[in-house]
N, C-alpha and C. Protein backbone atom coordinates (compact mmCIF):
# COMPACT_ATOMS: atom_id res chain seq x y z
N MET A 1 -6.77 3.20 12.76
CA MET A 1 -5.58 3.54 12.02
C MET A 1 -5.59 2.83 10.65
N SER A 2 -5.23 3.55 9.63
CA SER A 2 -5.27 3.00 8.27
C SER A 2 -4.02 2.19 7.97
N GLU A 3 -4.21 1.21 7.11
CA GLU A 3 -3.10 0.36 6.70
C GLU A 3 -2.55 0.84 5.36
N ILE A 4 -1.23 0.84 5.24
CA ILE A 4 -0.59 1.24 3.99
C ILE A 4 -0.69 0.08 3.00
N LYS A 5 -1.13 0.40 1.79
CA LYS A 5 -1.31 -0.61 0.75
C LYS A 5 -0.29 -0.38 -0.35
N ILE A 6 -0.15 -1.38 -1.21
CA ILE A 6 0.77 -1.28 -2.34
C ILE A 6 -0.07 -1.21 -3.61
N TYR A 7 0.26 -0.23 -4.46
CA TYR A 7 -0.47 -0.03 -5.71
C TYR A 7 0.50 -0.14 -6.88
N ARG A 8 0.02 -0.71 -7.98
CA ARG A 8 0.77 -0.77 -9.23
C ARG A 8 0.07 0.14 -10.23
N ILE A 9 0.82 1.10 -10.77
CA ILE A 9 0.30 2.03 -11.76
C ILE A 9 0.98 1.72 -13.08
N ILE A 10 0.18 1.46 -14.12
CA ILE A 10 0.70 1.15 -15.45
C ILE A 10 0.19 2.21 -16.42
N GLY A 11 1.07 2.67 -17.28
CA GLY A 11 0.68 3.66 -18.26
C GLY A 11 1.78 3.89 -19.27
N ASN A 12 1.61 4.96 -20.04
CA ASN A 12 2.65 5.32 -21.01
C ASN A 12 2.70 6.83 -21.15
N TYR A 13 3.80 7.29 -21.74
CA TYR A 13 3.95 8.71 -22.02
C TYR A 13 4.75 8.87 -23.30
N SER A 14 4.63 10.04 -23.91
CA SER A 14 5.36 10.34 -25.15
C SER A 14 6.44 11.37 -24.85
N LYS A 15 7.62 11.12 -25.42
CA LYS A 15 8.72 12.07 -25.28
C LYS A 15 9.54 12.00 -26.56
N LYS A 16 9.69 13.13 -27.20
CA LYS A 16 10.43 13.24 -28.46
C LYS A 16 9.93 12.24 -29.50
N HIS A 17 8.62 12.19 -29.69
CA HIS A 17 7.96 11.36 -30.70
C HIS A 17 8.14 9.86 -30.48
N LYS A 18 8.47 9.46 -29.27
CA LYS A 18 8.56 8.04 -28.93
C LYS A 18 7.62 7.77 -27.76
N LYS A 19 7.04 6.57 -27.74
CA LYS A 19 6.17 6.18 -26.63
C LYS A 19 6.95 5.30 -25.67
N TYR A 20 6.80 5.56 -24.40
CA TYR A 20 7.45 4.79 -23.36
C TYR A 20 6.40 4.21 -22.43
N LEU A 21 6.54 2.94 -22.13
CA LEU A 21 5.65 2.25 -21.20
C LEU A 21 6.30 2.28 -19.83
N PHE A 22 5.49 2.50 -18.78
CA PHE A 22 6.04 2.47 -17.43
C PHE A 22 5.15 1.66 -16.51
N ARG A 23 5.77 1.12 -15.46
CA ARG A 23 5.05 0.43 -14.39
C ARG A 23 5.69 0.87 -13.09
N LYS A 24 4.92 1.52 -12.24
CA LYS A 24 5.41 2.01 -10.96
C LYS A 24 4.66 1.28 -9.85
N GLU A 25 5.38 0.92 -8.82
CA GLU A 25 4.76 0.37 -7.62
C GLU A 25 5.06 1.33 -6.48
N VAL A 26 4.00 1.78 -5.82
CA VAL A 26 4.13 2.75 -4.74
C VAL A 26 3.31 2.30 -3.54
N ARG A 27 3.72 2.76 -2.37
CA ARG A 27 2.99 2.52 -1.13
C ARG A 27 2.19 3.77 -0.81
N ALA A 28 0.90 3.58 -0.49
CA ALA A 28 0.04 4.72 -0.17
C ALA A 28 -1.17 4.23 0.61
N LEU A 29 -1.87 5.18 1.22
CA LEU A 29 -3.09 4.85 1.97
C LEU A 29 -4.29 4.69 1.04
N LYS A 30 -4.36 5.56 0.01
CA LYS A 30 -5.50 5.55 -0.92
C LYS A 30 -5.00 5.50 -2.35
N GLU A 31 -5.88 5.08 -3.25
CA GLU A 31 -5.55 5.00 -4.67
C GLU A 31 -5.17 6.36 -5.24
N GLU A 32 -5.87 7.42 -4.82
CA GLU A 32 -5.58 8.77 -5.30
C GLU A 32 -4.18 9.21 -4.89
N ASP A 33 -3.78 8.87 -3.68
CA ASP A 33 -2.44 9.22 -3.20
C ASP A 33 -1.37 8.48 -3.99
N ALA A 34 -1.62 7.22 -4.30
CA ALA A 34 -0.68 6.42 -5.08
C ALA A 34 -0.51 7.00 -6.48
N LEU A 35 -1.61 7.39 -7.09
CA LEU A 35 -1.57 7.97 -8.43
C LEU A 35 -0.79 9.29 -8.42
N GLU A 36 -1.03 10.12 -7.44
CA GLU A 36 -0.34 11.40 -7.33
C GLU A 36 1.17 11.19 -7.13
N LYS A 37 1.54 10.23 -6.32
CA LYS A 37 2.95 9.94 -6.07
C LYS A 37 3.64 9.46 -7.34
N ALA A 38 2.99 8.57 -8.09
CA ALA A 38 3.57 8.07 -9.34
C ALA A 38 3.69 9.19 -10.37
N LEU A 39 2.67 10.03 -10.48
CA LEU A 39 2.71 11.14 -11.43
C LEU A 39 3.82 12.12 -11.08
N SER A 40 4.02 12.39 -9.81
CA SER A 40 5.08 13.33 -9.42
C SER A 40 6.46 12.75 -9.71
N GLN A 41 6.62 11.44 -9.59
CA GLN A 41 7.90 10.81 -9.92
C GLN A 41 8.18 10.90 -11.42
N ILE A 42 7.16 10.69 -12.24
CA ILE A 42 7.34 10.71 -13.69
C ILE A 42 7.56 12.13 -14.19
N THR A 43 6.84 13.09 -13.65
CA THR A 43 6.99 14.47 -14.11
C THR A 43 8.32 15.08 -13.65
N SER A 44 9.01 14.45 -12.73
CA SER A 44 10.30 14.97 -12.28
C SER A 44 11.38 14.83 -13.35
N ILE A 45 11.14 14.03 -14.39
CA ILE A 45 12.12 13.87 -15.47
C ILE A 45 11.79 14.78 -16.66
N GLY A 46 10.89 15.73 -16.48
CA GLY A 46 10.61 16.70 -17.54
C GLY A 46 9.43 16.36 -18.42
N ILE A 47 8.55 15.49 -17.97
CA ILE A 47 7.34 15.13 -18.71
C ILE A 47 6.18 15.94 -18.15
N PHE A 48 5.32 16.45 -19.02
CA PHE A 48 4.12 17.13 -18.55
C PHE A 48 3.03 16.11 -18.26
N ARG A 49 2.15 16.43 -17.34
CA ARG A 49 1.06 15.52 -16.99
C ARG A 49 0.15 15.23 -18.17
N ARG A 50 0.02 16.17 -19.07
CA ARG A 50 -0.84 15.95 -20.24
C ARG A 50 -0.25 14.93 -21.21
N GLN A 51 1.04 14.63 -21.09
CA GLN A 51 1.69 13.63 -21.94
C GLN A 51 1.55 12.22 -21.38
N ILE A 52 1.04 12.10 -20.16
CA ILE A 52 0.96 10.80 -19.48
C ILE A 52 -0.44 10.23 -19.65
N ASN A 53 -0.49 8.96 -20.03
CA ASN A 53 -1.76 8.24 -20.17
C ASN A 53 -1.74 7.07 -19.18
N ILE A 54 -2.57 7.13 -18.16
CA ILE A 54 -2.65 6.07 -17.16
C ILE A 54 -3.61 5.00 -17.68
N GLN A 55 -3.14 3.75 -17.71
CA GLN A 55 -3.97 2.65 -18.19
C GLN A 55 -4.61 1.87 -17.05
N GLU A 56 -3.88 1.73 -15.93
CA GLU A 56 -4.41 0.90 -14.85
C GLU A 56 -3.80 1.31 -13.51
N VAL A 57 -4.64 1.37 -12.50
CA VAL A 57 -4.21 1.55 -11.12
C VAL A 57 -4.84 0.40 -10.34
N LYS A 58 -3.98 -0.43 -9.71
CA LYS A 58 -4.50 -1.63 -9.08
C LYS A 58 -3.78 -1.86 -7.75
N GLU A 59 -4.56 -2.23 -6.74
CA GLU A 59 -3.96 -2.61 -5.47
C GLU A 59 -3.43 -4.04 -5.59
N ILE A 60 -2.21 -4.25 -5.12
CA ILE A 60 -1.60 -5.58 -5.22
C ILE A 60 -1.17 -6.07 -3.85
N ALA A 61 -0.97 -7.36 -3.75
CA ALA A 61 -0.48 -7.96 -2.51
C ALA A 61 1.03 -7.81 -2.44
N LEU A 62 1.57 -7.93 -1.24
CA LEU A 62 3.01 -7.82 -1.04
C LEU A 62 3.77 -8.84 -1.87
N GLU A 63 3.24 -10.04 -2.00
CA GLU A 63 3.90 -11.11 -2.75
C GLU A 63 3.99 -10.80 -4.25
N GLU A 64 3.07 -9.98 -4.76
CA GLU A 64 3.06 -9.63 -6.19
C GLU A 64 4.05 -8.53 -6.54
N SER A 65 4.51 -7.80 -5.54
CA SER A 65 5.40 -6.68 -5.78
C SER A 65 6.74 -7.15 -6.32
N GLN A 66 7.24 -6.44 -7.34
CA GLN A 66 8.53 -6.77 -7.93
C GLN A 66 9.60 -5.77 -7.52
N ASP A 67 9.21 -4.74 -6.76
CA ASP A 67 10.14 -3.72 -6.30
C ASP A 67 10.76 -4.16 -4.97
N TYR A 68 12.07 -4.32 -4.96
CA TYR A 68 12.79 -4.81 -3.78
C TYR A 68 12.59 -3.89 -2.58
N LEU A 69 12.69 -2.59 -2.78
CA LEU A 69 12.57 -1.63 -1.69
C LEU A 69 11.18 -1.68 -1.06
N ILE A 70 10.15 -1.78 -1.85
CA ILE A 70 8.78 -1.86 -1.33
C ILE A 70 8.59 -3.14 -0.54
N ARG A 71 9.16 -4.24 -1.03
CA ARG A 71 9.04 -5.52 -0.29
C ARG A 71 9.75 -5.42 1.05
N GLU A 72 10.89 -4.79 1.10
CA GLU A 72 11.64 -4.68 2.35
C GLU A 72 10.92 -3.74 3.34
N LEU A 73 10.37 -2.63 2.83
CA LEU A 73 9.68 -1.70 3.71
C LEU A 73 8.38 -2.28 4.25
N SER A 74 7.71 -3.09 3.46
CA SER A 74 6.41 -3.63 3.86
C SER A 74 6.51 -4.94 4.61
N GLY A 75 7.63 -5.60 4.54
CA GLY A 75 7.76 -6.94 5.12
C GLY A 75 8.05 -6.99 6.57
């Protein structure tokens, strides 16, 4: 059985000639699943995938997570 890991995705996107930086923490089995989940959350606000630039996808420990909900679900 696979263990659920926590991933931090960092990137930026452009909207109305402004750049926005984002950091998402998601729980997933694989890095690809985490990236897909983060992209679907960002595109839900009307951003196209071509506007998103992913800078880093990294697996993190539970202690490094800054998202309260993820800490509670994983703890």
